[in-house]
Amino acid sequence: MTTDPVTPPKEQPATDRVKILLVDDTPDNLVSLEAALEALGQDLVLANSGMEALRFLLEDDFAAILLDVKMPEMDGFQTAELIRARKRSRHTPILFLTGYKSDEHLFRGYDLGAVDFLFKPIVPEILRSKVGVFVQMSRNTALLRRQTEVLSKAEQKFRSLLEAAPDAMIISSEDGRIALVNSQAEVMFGFRREEMIGQNIRMLVPDWSGQLLSTGLAREFGARRKTGQQFPVEISLSPLQTEEGLSFTSAIRNITERKRADEAIRELNATLEQRVTERTQELLQSNEALRQSNDDLNQFAYAASHDLQEPLRMVALYSQLLQRRYGGQLDSEADQFISYIVGGAKRMEMLLKDLLTYSQTGSSTEGPAYPVDCEAVLQKVMLNLQASVEQNGAEVTWSALPTVQAHEIRVVQLLQNLIGNAIKYRSVEAPRIHIAAECREGDVLFSVQDNGIGIEPEFRQQIFGIFKRLHAQNYPGTGIGLAICQRIVERYNGRIWVDSNAGEGSRFWFTLPSSTGEQTIDREAPEAVKASAL
């Protein structure tokens, strides 16, 4: 009889190898069994007696036990009975090896839990085939055990996460039947866990709808506690497809406090809106009163300055006639008094003229603002100041200037006052003045820089006050020029300020609204226009 050559065993990873226990009191039989099963590539453990086999079973688990029936001291049946008596090895497959085909042996062996009988002489191929089945079964059982452990750990982790959630968590079927809840659900609804499991979630949230919530958006519902008390909740739903069908995890949050806060905020907003409306009305009335007061004040200043000019001219005229006719005929003290009267009348005339100009600046009768070309305005200013520029040897330069939204006469006043002051308050050097502009978002920033006597830092705000003069004895004027400049700039919602130090010159800054469509202008344009007496 010929047999197929034995295929060399595949090397199995240590974690995949199982143990097979071979029990026979005849060493030659053990060698034969080992040779036949070596091709399976498993760990073969050899025992010469039933007692030795039991010692091995105390240390390891086996995928299968090949047990000789006829052995001295303790035969195979007795050994099998003791093996089955231990819980750990109660289900280990036992294959009996025997040379006798006795029905009595068969009945007794199967009664002791044998899975098969192999009759001697044993055919190696049959032996390997049958043992190989139990090896695979052992592997499958081990794999199933590991998977069960993994699933058990995953379930335990999932339950832990569910318990740790800050919201009430309820897992239910598609029709709402509750399968699992966490402790927060017990606290929120007042039911014990066992009272909720198996019930429909609509017992807690009457309008619960898996189809409605499956959109993924959190929705508000009315919920009910065990006591019957109703309260608002917000539910977020997570669907999960399982072998048993579609299930839902409902995250339920009590929003009672949030609702109260929202209501309080709505009430507060309504109150604030009412207060804002009332305050706005008060401000409108106040602004109207202020505007009326300003108009009345301007009218008074105009009337006062205009009406006072006529009697003042009379005083000045007759004082000058008195000085010309009787000058030198009276004593020196009388001549001094007459000169005081004439000088005071002239100063009063200048003050009234400037006051009239100030009262008319920013008048609402000027009409709406319009685009004003600052290049053309500066040309007019230079014509007005031509005599002063020539007398002082001044040099006035400017970069490209934009178009602003204003009134031409006011822009002329503004630039003429600033340039005129720069010439008036000169140092020992010839005046050098530069005008530049930069378009920004919504407005234009102008600067007028000079090399004059400068201003002490503590007086930078004071100089914009009406009739405020820092050098009254040394320079002519009434001190109203910068006040007019400030009024013009503020008429167009702009600002004016100065950067200066004594002896270092001054740079006046002011803003005016830009005209629509203006492009940004470089403050230091390469081609500057120059007006000079040189």
Protein backbone atom coordinates (compact mmCIF):
# COMPACT_ATOMS: atom_id res chain seq x y z
CA MET A 1 0.00 0.00 0.00
CA THR A 2 1.43 3.36 -1.04
CA THR A 3 0.89 6.63 0.77
CA ASP A 4 1.15 10.21 -0.46
CA PRO A 5 4.28 12.07 0.57
CA VAL A 6 3.76 14.22 3.62
CA THR A 7 3.66 17.95 2.82
CA PRO A 8 6.12 19.84 4.99
CA PRO A 9 4.21 21.81 7.63
CA LYS A 10 3.76 25.55 7.21
CA GLU A 11 5.44 27.57 9.90
CA GLN A 12 2.62 29.00 12.01
CA PRO A 13 2.96 32.23 13.96
CA ALA A 14 3.35 31.57 17.67
CA THR A 15 0.03 33.26 18.40
CA ASP A 16 -1.83 30.96 15.96
CA ARG A 17 -0.38 27.63 17.13
CA VAL A 18 -2.52 25.41 19.37
CA LYS A 19 -1.61 22.53 21.62
CA ILE A 20 -2.61 18.89 20.98
CA LEU A 21 -2.26 16.34 23.78
CA LEU A 22 -1.20 12.79 22.73
CA VAL A 23 -1.71 10.13 25.47
CA ASP A 24 -0.44 6.54 25.04
CA ASP A 25 1.52 4.23 27.32
CA THR A 26 3.46 2.81 24.35
CA PRO A 27 6.38 5.05 23.26
CA ASP A 28 6.32 3.71 19.69
CA ASN A 29 2.65 4.68 19.36
CA LEU A 30 3.45 8.21 20.56
CA VAL A 31 6.24 8.51 18.02
CA SER A 32 3.85 7.39 15.26
CA LEU A 33 1.18 9.84 16.33
CA GLU A 34 3.73 12.67 16.53
CA ALA A 35 5.04 11.87 13.05
CA ALA A 36 1.54 11.76 11.58
CA LEU A 37 0.46 15.09 13.14
CA GLU A 38 3.71 16.99 12.65
CA ALA A 39 2.46 18.20 9.27
CA LEU A 40 -0.25 20.25 11.02
CA GLY A 41 2.45 22.57 12.42
CA GLN A 42 1.00 22.69 15.92
CA ASP A 43 2.48 22.15 19.38
CA LEU A 44 2.33 18.43 20.22
CA VAL A 45 2.48 17.46 23.90
CA LEU A 46 3.23 13.77 24.67
CA ALA A 47 1.98 11.95 27.82
CA ASN A 48 2.82 8.35 28.75
CA SER A 49 -0.09 7.85 31.15
CA GLY A 50 -3.44 9.22 32.20
CA MET A 51 -1.91 10.74 35.32
CA GLU A 52 0.70 12.61 33.29
CA ALA A 53 -2.02 13.82 30.92
CA LEU A 54 -3.97 15.25 33.85
CA ARG A 55 -0.86 17.13 35.02
CA PHE A 56 -0.52 18.73 31.58
CA LEU A 57 -4.21 19.71 31.65
CA LEU A 58 -3.63 21.56 34.89
CA GLU A 59 -1.11 23.82 33.08
CA ASP A 60 -2.51 24.30 29.56
CA ASP A 61 -5.60 24.21 27.39
CA PHE A 62 -5.64 21.88 24.37
CA ALA A 63 -7.41 22.02 21.04
CA ALA A 64 -7.83 18.21 21.08
CA ILE A 65 -6.83 15.16 23.15
CA LEU A 66 -5.88 11.84 21.53
CA LEU A 67 -6.40 9.29 24.32
CA ASP A 68 -5.50 5.57 24.20
CA VAL A 69 -8.22 3.45 25.74
CA LYS A 70 -6.08 0.62 27.08
CA MET A 71 -3.49 1.89 29.56
CA PRO A 72 -2.25 0.44 32.91
CA GLU A 73 -3.22 1.94 36.27
CA MET A 74 -5.68 4.42 34.72
CA ASP A 75 -7.26 3.57 31.38
CA GLY A 76 -8.53 6.05 28.82
CA PHE A 77 -12.13 6.02 30.04
CA GLN A 78 -11.11 6.81 33.62
CA THR A 79 -8.83 9.56 32.39
CA ALA A 80 -11.63 10.98 30.24
CA GLU A 81 -14.00 10.96 33.16
CA LEU A 82 -11.54 12.98 35.25
CA ILE A 83 -10.93 15.36 32.32
CA ARG A 84 -14.65 15.99 31.99
CA ALA A 85 -14.98 16.54 35.72
CA ARG A 86 -12.91 19.73 35.43
CA LYS A 87 -14.89 22.74 34.26
CA ARG A 88 -11.95 24.14 32.32
CA SER A 89 -11.59 21.01 30.14
CA ARG A 90 -15.23 19.94 30.10
CA HIS A 91 -15.62 20.73 26.40
CA THR A 92 -12.15 19.81 25.11
CA PRO A 93 -12.58 17.36 22.18
CA ILE A 94 -11.42 13.80 23.07
CA LEU A 95 -10.59 11.28 20.34
CA PHE A 96 -10.20 7.72 21.69
CA LEU A 97 -7.55 5.41 20.19
CA THR A 98 -8.34 1.70 20.43
CA GLY A 99 -7.60 -1.57 18.72
CA TYR A 100 -10.98 -3.12 19.63
CA LYS A 101 -14.27 -2.46 17.91
CA SER A 102 -16.59 -3.06 20.81
CA ASP A 103 -20.04 -1.54 21.05
CA GLU A 104 -19.60 -1.41 24.80
CA HIS A 105 -16.45 0.71 24.34
CA LEU A 106 -18.22 2.95 21.90
CA PHE A 107 -21.23 3.53 24.14
CA ARG A 108 -19.08 4.20 27.17
CA GLY A 109 -16.72 6.53 25.25
CA TYR A 110 -19.50 8.61 23.75
CA ASP A 111 -21.19 8.70 27.12
CA LEU A 112 -18.02 10.24 28.55
CA GLY A 113 -18.09 12.95 25.87
CA ALA A 114 -15.85 11.47 23.21
CA VAL A 115 -16.15 13.14 19.80
CA ASP A 116 -14.70 10.27 17.78
CA PHE A 117 -12.98 6.85 17.84
CA LEU A 118 -9.88 6.02 15.81
CA PHE A 119 -9.12 2.34 15.38
CA LYS A 120 -5.63 0.92 15.19
CA PRO A 121 -3.77 0.64 12.96
CA ILE A 122 -4.38 4.36 12.42
CA VAL A 123 -4.21 5.82 8.93
CA PRO A 124 -2.10 9.05 9.16
CA GLU A 125 -4.14 10.92 6.57
CA ILE A 126 -7.41 10.23 8.38
CA LEU A 127 -5.81 11.15 11.69
CA ARG A 128 -4.51 14.48 10.35
CA SER A 129 -7.83 15.25 8.70
CA LYS A 130 -9.88 14.68 11.86
CA VAL A 131 -7.46 16.43 14.21
CA GLY A 132 -7.14 19.31 11.71
CA VAL A 133 -10.90 19.92 12.06
CA PHE A 134 -10.58 20.36 15.80
CA VAL A 135 -7.50 22.58 15.38
CA GLN A 136 -9.53 24.88 13.14
CA MET A 137 -12.45 24.79 15.54
CA SER A 138 -10.11 25.75 18.38
CA ARG A 139 -8.77 28.64 16.36
CA ASN A 140 -12.27 29.81 15.52
CA THR A 141 -13.27 29.56 19.15
CA ALA A 142 -10.23 31.58 20.24
CA LEU A 143 -10.94 34.19 17.55
CA LEU A 144 -14.57 34.37 18.64
CA ARG A 145 -13.46 34.76 22.24
CA ARG A 146 -11.12 37.61 21.33
CA GLN A 147 -13.83 39.31 19.27
CA THR A 148 -16.23 38.93 22.16
CA GLU A 149 -13.71 40.53 24.47
CA VAL A 150 -13.18 43.40 22.03
CA LEU A 151 -16.92 43.90 21.68
CA SER A 152 -17.33 43.72 25.43
CA LYS A 153 -14.66 46.36 25.95
CA ALA A 154 -16.17 48.54 23.20
CA GLU A 155 -19.60 48.19 24.76
CA GLN A 156 -18.19 49.04 28.18
CA LYS A 157 -16.43 52.09 26.72
CA PHE A 158 -19.59 53.13 24.94
CA ARG A 159 -21.60 52.79 28.15
CA SER A 160 -18.95 54.79 30.02
CA LEU A 161 -19.08 57.55 27.41
CA LEU A 162 -22.85 57.48 27.54
CA GLU A 163 -22.77 57.85 31.32
CA ALA A 164 -20.20 60.65 31.13
CA ALA A 165 -22.30 62.70 28.70
CA PRO A 166 -23.60 65.96 30.24
CA ASP A 167 -26.97 65.54 28.48
CA ALA A 168 -29.63 62.90 28.85
CA MET A 169 -28.84 60.16 26.30
CA ILE A 170 -31.48 57.70 25.08
CA ILE A 171 -30.92 54.99 22.46
CA SER A 172 -34.11 53.82 20.82
CA SER A 173 -35.35 51.93 17.79
CA GLU A 174 -36.82 53.61 14.73
CA ASP A 175 -40.30 53.44 16.21
CA GLY A 176 -39.10 54.94 19.52
CA ARG A 177 -38.71 51.82 21.67
CA ILE A 178 -36.07 52.61 24.34
CA ALA A 179 -33.07 50.24 24.49
CA LEU A 180 -30.58 52.15 26.61
CA VAL A 181 -30.50 55.27 28.81
CA ASN A 182 -27.86 57.02 30.92
CA SER A 183 -28.05 58.35 34.46
CA GLN A 184 -28.70 61.92 33.25
CA ALA A 185 -31.94 60.68 31.68
CA GLU A 186 -32.99 59.30 35.09
CA VAL A 187 -32.23 62.67 36.71
CA MET A 188 -33.96 64.69 34.00
CA PHE A 189 -37.19 62.70 33.72
CA GLY A 190 -37.46 61.23 37.22
CA PHE A 191 -37.90 57.62 36.00
CA ARG A 192 -35.63 54.76 37.04
CA ARG A 193 -33.64 53.15 34.27
CA GLU A 194 -35.66 49.94 34.30
CA GLU A 195 -38.88 51.94 34.09
CA MET A 196 -37.78 53.52 30.80
CA ILE A 197 -36.12 50.61 28.99
CA GLY A 198 -38.65 48.87 26.76
CA GLN A 199 -41.03 51.85 26.81
CA ASN A 200 -41.57 54.30 23.96
CA ILE A 201 -39.56 57.51 24.09
CA ARG A 202 -42.79 59.41 23.42
CA MET A 203 -43.64 58.69 27.03
CA LEU A 204 -40.96 61.30 27.80
CA VAL A 205 -41.12 63.49 24.66
CA PRO A 206 -44.64 63.19 23.18
CA ASP A 207 -43.75 64.81 19.83
CA TRP A 208 -40.48 62.91 19.33
CA SER A 209 -39.97 62.03 15.65
CA GLY A 210 -36.98 60.16 14.27
CA GLN A 211 -37.88 61.24 10.75
CA LEU A 212 -38.10 64.90 11.76
CA LEU A 213 -34.88 64.83 13.76
CA SER A 214 -32.88 62.87 11.17
CA THR A 215 -32.25 66.15 9.31
CA GLY A 216 -29.32 66.64 11.70
CA LEU A 217 -30.64 69.89 13.16
CA ALA A 218 -31.24 70.30 16.88
CA ARG A 219 -34.94 70.94 17.52
CA GLU A 220 -36.96 72.07 20.47
CA PHE A 221 -39.72 69.90 21.98
CA GLY A 222 -41.87 69.79 25.04
CA ALA A 223 -40.89 67.06 27.52
CA ARG A 224 -42.67 65.54 30.52
CA ARG A 225 -41.32 64.28 33.84
CA LYS A 226 -42.68 61.34 35.82
CA THR A 227 -44.53 63.85 37.98
CA GLY A 228 -46.31 65.20 34.90
CA GLN A 229 -44.41 68.49 34.97
CA GLN A 230 -43.66 69.77 31.48
CA PHE A 231 -40.45 71.55 30.46
CA PRO A 232 -38.69 72.52 27.19
CA VAL A 233 -35.86 70.42 25.76
CA GLU A 234 -33.56 70.52 22.75
CA ILE A 235 -32.87 67.21 20.99
CA SER A 236 -30.02 66.29 18.66
CA LEU A 237 -30.39 62.94 16.90
CA SER A 238 -27.72 60.55 15.59
CA PRO A 239 -29.03 57.65 13.45
CA LEU A 240 -27.16 54.33 13.38
CA GLN A 241 -27.82 51.38 11.07
CA THR A 242 -27.38 48.04 12.91
CA GLU A 243 -28.16 44.39 12.14
CA GLU A 244 -31.35 44.74 14.15
CA GLY A 245 -32.37 47.78 12.08
CA LEU A 246 -32.16 51.56 12.35
CA SER A 247 -31.62 52.97 15.84
CA PHE A 248 -31.35 56.52 17.12
CA THR A 249 -29.28 58.15 19.84
CA SER A 250 -31.17 61.16 21.20
CA ALA A 251 -29.11 63.76 23.08
CA ILE A 252 -31.65 65.66 25.19
CA ARG A 253 -30.83 68.95 26.88
CA ASN A 254 -33.03 70.84 29.32
CA ILE A 255 -33.29 74.42 28.00
CA THR A 256 -35.52 75.86 30.72
CA GLU A 257 -32.82 78.27 31.92
CA ARG A 258 -31.91 79.24 28.38
CA LYS A 259 -35.55 80.01 27.63
CA ARG A 260 -35.74 82.19 30.72
CA ALA A 261 -32.54 83.98 29.72
CA ASP A 262 -33.84 84.50 26.17
CA GLU A 263 -37.07 85.91 27.52
CA ALA A 264 -35.15 88.19 29.87
CA ILE A 265 -32.97 89.35 26.97
CA ARG A 266 -36.04 90.01 24.80
CA GLU A 267 -37.62 92.05 27.60
CA LEU A 268 -34.35 93.91 28.14
CA ASN A 269 -34.02 94.60 24.41
CA ALA A 270 -37.57 95.89 24.26
CA THR A 271 -36.87 98.14 27.24
CA LEU A 272 -33.61 99.33 25.70
CA GLU A 273 -35.28 100.00 22.36
CA GLN A 274 -37.94 102.05 24.14
CA ARG A 275 -35.28 103.95 26.08
CA VAL A 276 -33.21 104.49 22.92
CA THR A 277 -36.30 105.79 21.11
CA GLU A 278 -37.08 108.14 23.96
CA ARG A 279 -33.46 109.26 24.26
CA THR A 280 -33.22 109.77 20.50
CA GLN A 281 -36.31 111.92 20.60
CA GLU A 282 -34.83 113.91 23.47
CA LEU A 283 -31.57 114.35 21.57
CA LEU A 284 -33.42 115.44 18.45
CA GLN A 285 -35.30 117.99 20.47
CA SER A 286 -32.08 119.05 22.20
CA ASN A 287 -30.26 119.33 18.86
CA GLU A 288 -33.10 121.36 17.44
CA ALA A 289 -32.97 123.65 20.45
CA LEU A 290 -29.18 123.86 20.16
CA ARG A 291 -29.40 124.62 16.44
CA GLN A 292 -31.97 127.30 17.14
CA SER A 293 -29.75 128.70 19.90
CA ASN A 294 -26.73 128.71 17.58
CA ASP A 295 -28.74 130.43 14.86
CA ASP A 296 -29.96 132.99 17.36
CA LEU A 297 -26.40 133.49 18.62
CA ASN A 298 -25.07 133.88 15.07
CA GLN A 299 -27.81 136.33 14.25
CA PHE A 300 -27.01 138.26 17.41
CA ALA A 301 -23.28 138.26 16.63
CA TYR A 302 -23.99 139.36 13.05
CA ALA A 303 -26.38 142.07 14.16
CA ALA A 304 -24.08 143.26 16.93
CA SER A 305 -20.96 143.35 14.77
CA HIS A 306 -22.80 144.89 11.81
CA ASP A 307 -24.78 147.49 13.78
CA LEU A 308 -21.79 148.48 15.92
CA GLN A 309 -19.62 149.23 12.90
CA GLU A 310 -21.47 152.46 12.04
CA PRO A 311 -21.12 154.25 15.43
CA LEU A 312 -17.58 152.85 15.67
CA ARG A 313 -16.69 154.40 12.33
CA MET A 314 -18.09 157.70 13.65
CA VAL A 315 -15.84 157.44 16.73
CA ALA A 316 -12.81 156.58 14.60
CA LEU A 317 -13.53 159.36 12.05
CA TYR A 318 -13.94 162.15 14.57
CA SER A 319 -11.02 160.91 16.63
CA GLN A 320 -8.79 161.10 13.55
CA LEU A 321 -10.15 164.61 12.73
CA LEU A 322 -9.48 165.68 16.32
CA GLN A 323 -5.95 164.28 16.06
CA ARG A 324 -5.20 166.05 12.76
CA ARG A 325 -6.75 169.41 13.77
CA TYR A 326 -5.50 169.73 17.33
CA GLY A 327 -2.44 167.52 17.27
CA GLY A 328 0.46 169.43 18.80
CA GLN A 329 -1.80 172.26 20.07
CA LEU A 330 -2.64 170.47 23.29
CA ASP A 331 -0.27 169.14 25.87
CA SER A 332 1.54 165.83 25.33
CA GLU A 333 -0.80 163.90 27.59
CA ALA A 334 -3.84 165.01 25.53
CA ASP A 335 -2.08 163.93 22.31
CA GLN A 336 -1.43 160.50 23.93
CA PHE A 337 -5.07 160.14 24.94
CA ILE A 338 -6.23 160.99 21.40
CA SER A 339 -3.81 158.36 19.96
CA TYR A 340 -5.23 155.75 22.37
CA ILE A 341 -8.76 156.57 21.14
CA VAL A 342 -7.75 156.30 17.46
CA GLY A 343 -5.82 153.00 18.01
CA GLY A 344 -8.62 151.49 20.06
CA ALA A 345 -11.20 152.41 17.43
CA LYS A 346 -9.11 150.75 14.70
CA ARG A 347 -8.69 147.57 16.81
CA MET A 348 -12.38 147.53 17.60
CA GLU A 349 -13.18 147.81 13.89
CA MET A 350 -10.90 144.85 13.14
CA LEU A 351 -12.49 142.78 15.93
CA LEU A 352 -16.01 143.52 14.72
CA LYS A 353 -15.06 142.65 11.15
CA ASP A 354 -13.54 139.32 12.21
CA LEU A 355 -16.49 138.60 14.49
CA LEU A 356 -18.84 139.19 11.57
CA THR A 357 -16.77 136.75 9.48
CA TYR A 358 -16.82 134.18 12.27
CA SER A 359 -20.60 134.42 12.72
CA GLN A 360 -21.20 133.91 8.99
CA THR A 361 -18.86 130.89 8.76
CA GLY A 362 -20.77 127.61 8.48
CA SER A 363 -24.14 129.25 8.02
CA SER A 364 -26.93 126.93 6.88
CA THR A 365 -27.84 129.50 4.23
CA GLU A 366 -24.78 128.52 2.19
CA GLY A 367 -26.62 125.58 0.65
CA PRO A 368 -25.28 122.04 0.09
CA ALA A 369 -21.59 121.37 -0.43
CA TYR A 370 -20.23 120.77 -3.94
CA PRO A 371 -16.95 119.59 -5.49
CA VAL A 372 -14.20 122.18 -5.00
CA ASP A 373 -10.89 121.98 -6.89
CA CYS A 374 -8.22 122.71 -4.27
CA GLU A 375 -5.61 123.49 -6.97
CA ALA A 376 -7.78 126.34 -8.28
CA VAL A 377 -8.52 127.47 -4.71
CA LEU A 378 -4.81 127.69 -3.90
CA GLN A 379 -4.19 129.83 -7.00
CA LYS A 380 -6.78 132.34 -5.70
CA VAL A 381 -5.21 132.25 -2.23
CA MET A 382 -1.79 133.03 -3.67
CA LEU A 383 -3.22 136.02 -5.56
CA ASN A 384 -4.81 137.31 -2.33
CA LEU A 385 -1.53 136.91 -0.43
CA GLN A 386 0.78 138.08 -3.21
CA ALA A 387 1.78 141.30 -1.45
CA SER A 388 2.54 139.51 1.84
CA VAL A 389 4.53 136.79 0.02
CA GLU A 390 6.67 139.39 -1.79
CA GLN A 391 7.24 141.56 1.27
CA ASN A 392 8.49 138.61 3.37
CA GLY A 393 10.37 136.80 0.60
CA ALA A 394 8.22 133.73 1.30
CA GLU A 395 8.40 130.50 -0.67
CA VAL A 396 5.11 128.57 -0.91
CA THR A 397 5.06 125.11 -2.55
CA TRP A 398 2.41 122.46 -2.82
CA SER A 399 1.98 118.92 -4.09
CA ALA A 400 -0.93 117.83 -6.29
CA LEU A 401 -4.16 118.67 -4.50
CA PRO A 402 -7.50 116.81 -4.83
CA THR A 403 -11.12 117.86 -5.16
CA VAL A 404 -13.13 118.06 -1.92
CA GLN A 405 -16.82 118.31 -1.11
CA ALA A 406 -17.21 121.77 0.45
CA HIS A 407 -17.82 125.48 -0.46
CA GLU A 408 -15.11 127.28 -2.38
CA ILE A 409 -15.21 130.49 -0.32
CA ARG A 410 -14.71 128.49 2.91
CA VAL A 411 -11.76 126.53 1.52
CA VAL A 412 -10.23 129.86 0.39
CA GLN A 413 -10.71 131.26 3.93
CA LEU A 414 -9.21 128.13 5.48
CA LEU A 415 -6.04 127.96 3.38
CA GLN A 416 -5.56 131.74 3.34
CA ASN A 417 -5.69 131.93 7.14
CA LEU A 418 -3.23 129.06 7.60
CA ILE A 419 -0.76 130.30 4.97
CA GLY A 420 -1.14 133.89 6.15
CA ASN A 421 -0.37 132.85 9.73
CA ALA A 422 2.68 130.89 8.54
CA ILE A 423 4.00 134.07 6.89
CA LYS A 424 3.05 136.33 9.83
CA TYR A 425 4.64 134.16 12.54
CA ARG A 426 7.94 133.76 10.71
CA SER A 427 11.37 133.25 12.19
CA VAL A 428 14.50 135.13 11.18
CA GLU A 429 14.68 132.96 8.06
CA ALA A 430 12.52 133.63 5.02
CA PRO A 431 9.21 131.71 5.32
CA ARG A 432 9.12 128.31 3.60
CA ILE A 433 5.63 126.80 3.45
CA HIS A 434 4.51 123.49 1.90
CA ILE A 435 0.94 122.28 1.39
CA ALA A 436 0.23 118.54 0.82
CA ALA A 437 -2.82 116.27 0.77
CA GLU A 438 -3.55 112.55 0.99
CA CYS A 439 -6.86 110.95 0.03
CA ARG A 440 -8.06 108.40 2.55
CA GLU A 441 -11.25 106.36 2.82
CA GLY A 442 -14.01 108.97 2.82
CA ASP A 443 -11.90 112.08 3.45
CA VAL A 444 -8.74 114.00 2.54
CA LEU A 445 -5.95 114.74 5.02
CA PHE A 446 -4.25 118.12 4.40
CA SER A 447 -1.07 119.46 5.96
CA VAL A 448 0.38 123.00 5.97
CA GLN A 449 4.01 122.99 7.13
CA ASP A 450 6.19 126.04 7.87
CA ASN A 451 9.58 126.94 9.36
CA GLY A 452 8.21 129.68 11.66
CA ILE A 453 8.61 130.39 15.34
CA GLY A 454 6.56 127.34 16.39
CA ILE A 455 4.22 126.84 19.34
CA GLU A 456 4.81 125.54 22.83
CA PRO A 457 3.07 122.12 23.30
CA GLU A 458 0.85 123.39 26.13
CA PHE A 459 -0.73 126.00 23.81
CA ARG A 460 -1.62 123.63 20.92
CA GLN A 461 -5.33 123.56 21.88
CA GLN A 462 -5.57 127.13 23.18
CA ILE A 463 -4.69 128.73 19.84
CA PHE A 464 -8.01 127.55 18.29
CA GLY A 465 -10.05 129.58 20.79
CA ILE A 466 -11.75 132.79 19.66
CA PHE A 467 -9.62 135.93 20.27
CA LYS A 468 -6.78 133.75 21.66
CA ARG A 469 -3.32 135.20 20.83
CA LEU A 470 0.07 134.05 22.09
CA HIS A 471 2.09 137.03 20.76
CA ALA A 472 -0.35 139.95 21.07
CA GLN A 473 2.35 142.62 21.52
CA ASN A 474 4.57 141.60 18.63
CA TYR A 475 2.18 140.57 15.85
CA PRO A 476 -0.93 142.33 14.48
CA GLY A 477 -4.34 140.66 14.38
CA THR A 478 -7.36 139.78 16.53
CA GLY A 479 -6.64 136.09 17.22
CA ILE A 480 -9.78 134.83 15.51
CA GLY A 481 -8.20 133.33 12.38
CA LEU A 482 -7.61 129.81 13.74
CA ALA A 483 -11.03 129.80 15.40
CA ILE A 484 -12.52 130.48 11.92
CA CYS A 485 -10.39 127.63 10.51
CA GLN A 486 -11.69 125.23 13.16
CA ARG A 487 -15.27 126.30 12.54
CA ILE A 488 -14.91 125.76 8.78
CA VAL A 489 -13.39 122.28 9.21
CA GLU A 490 -16.01 121.20 11.78
CA ARG A 491 -18.73 122.51 9.44
CA TYR A 492 -17.78 119.54 7.18
CA ASN A 493 -17.38 117.05 10.11
CA GLY A 494 -13.59 117.28 9.89
CA ARG A 495 -10.82 117.80 12.46
CA ILE A 496 -7.95 120.27 12.73
CA TRP A 497 -4.86 120.06 14.95
CA VAL A 498 -1.22 121.12 15.05
CA ASP A 499 2.15 119.45 15.60
CA SER A 500 4.72 122.00 16.75
CA ASN A 501 7.47 122.92 19.16
CA ALA A 502 8.87 126.36 19.92
CA GLY A 503 11.55 127.34 17.40
CA GLU A 504 10.95 124.29 15.18
CA GLY A 505 8.14 125.46 12.93
CA SER A 506 4.59 124.10 12.80
CA ARG A 507 2.55 121.62 10.78
CA PHE A 508 -1.21 122.13 10.78
CA TRP A 509 -3.35 119.10 9.87
CA PHE A 510 -7.01 119.12 8.88
CA THR A 511 -9.49 116.83 7.12
CA LEU A 512 -12.22 117.58 4.60
CA PRO A 513 -14.66 115.16 2.90
CA SER A 514 -13.39 113.83 -0.42
CA SER A 515 -15.34 114.17 -3.62
CA THR A 516 -16.69 110.94 -5.17
CA GLY A 517 -14.24 109.06 -7.38
CA GLU A 518 -11.07 110.67 -6.02
CA GLN A 519 -7.89 108.64 -6.35
CA THR A 520 -5.22 108.47 -3.66
CA ILE A 521 -2.73 111.34 -3.94
CA ASP A 522 0.84 111.06 -2.76
CA ARG A 523 1.44 113.61 -0.01
CA GLU A 524 4.90 114.22 -1.43
CA ALA A 525 4.11 114.31 -5.15
CA PRO A 526 7.33 114.53 -7.18
CA GLU A 527 6.24 117.59 -9.12
CA ALA A 528 5.44 120.42 -6.71
CA VAL A 529 4.07 123.79 -7.71
CA LYS A 530 6.05 126.72 -6.33
CA ALA A 531 4.99 130.33 -5.73
CA SER A 532 7.81 132.58 -4.61
CA ALA A 533 8.88 136.19 -4.52
CA LEU A 534 12.39 135.18 -5.57
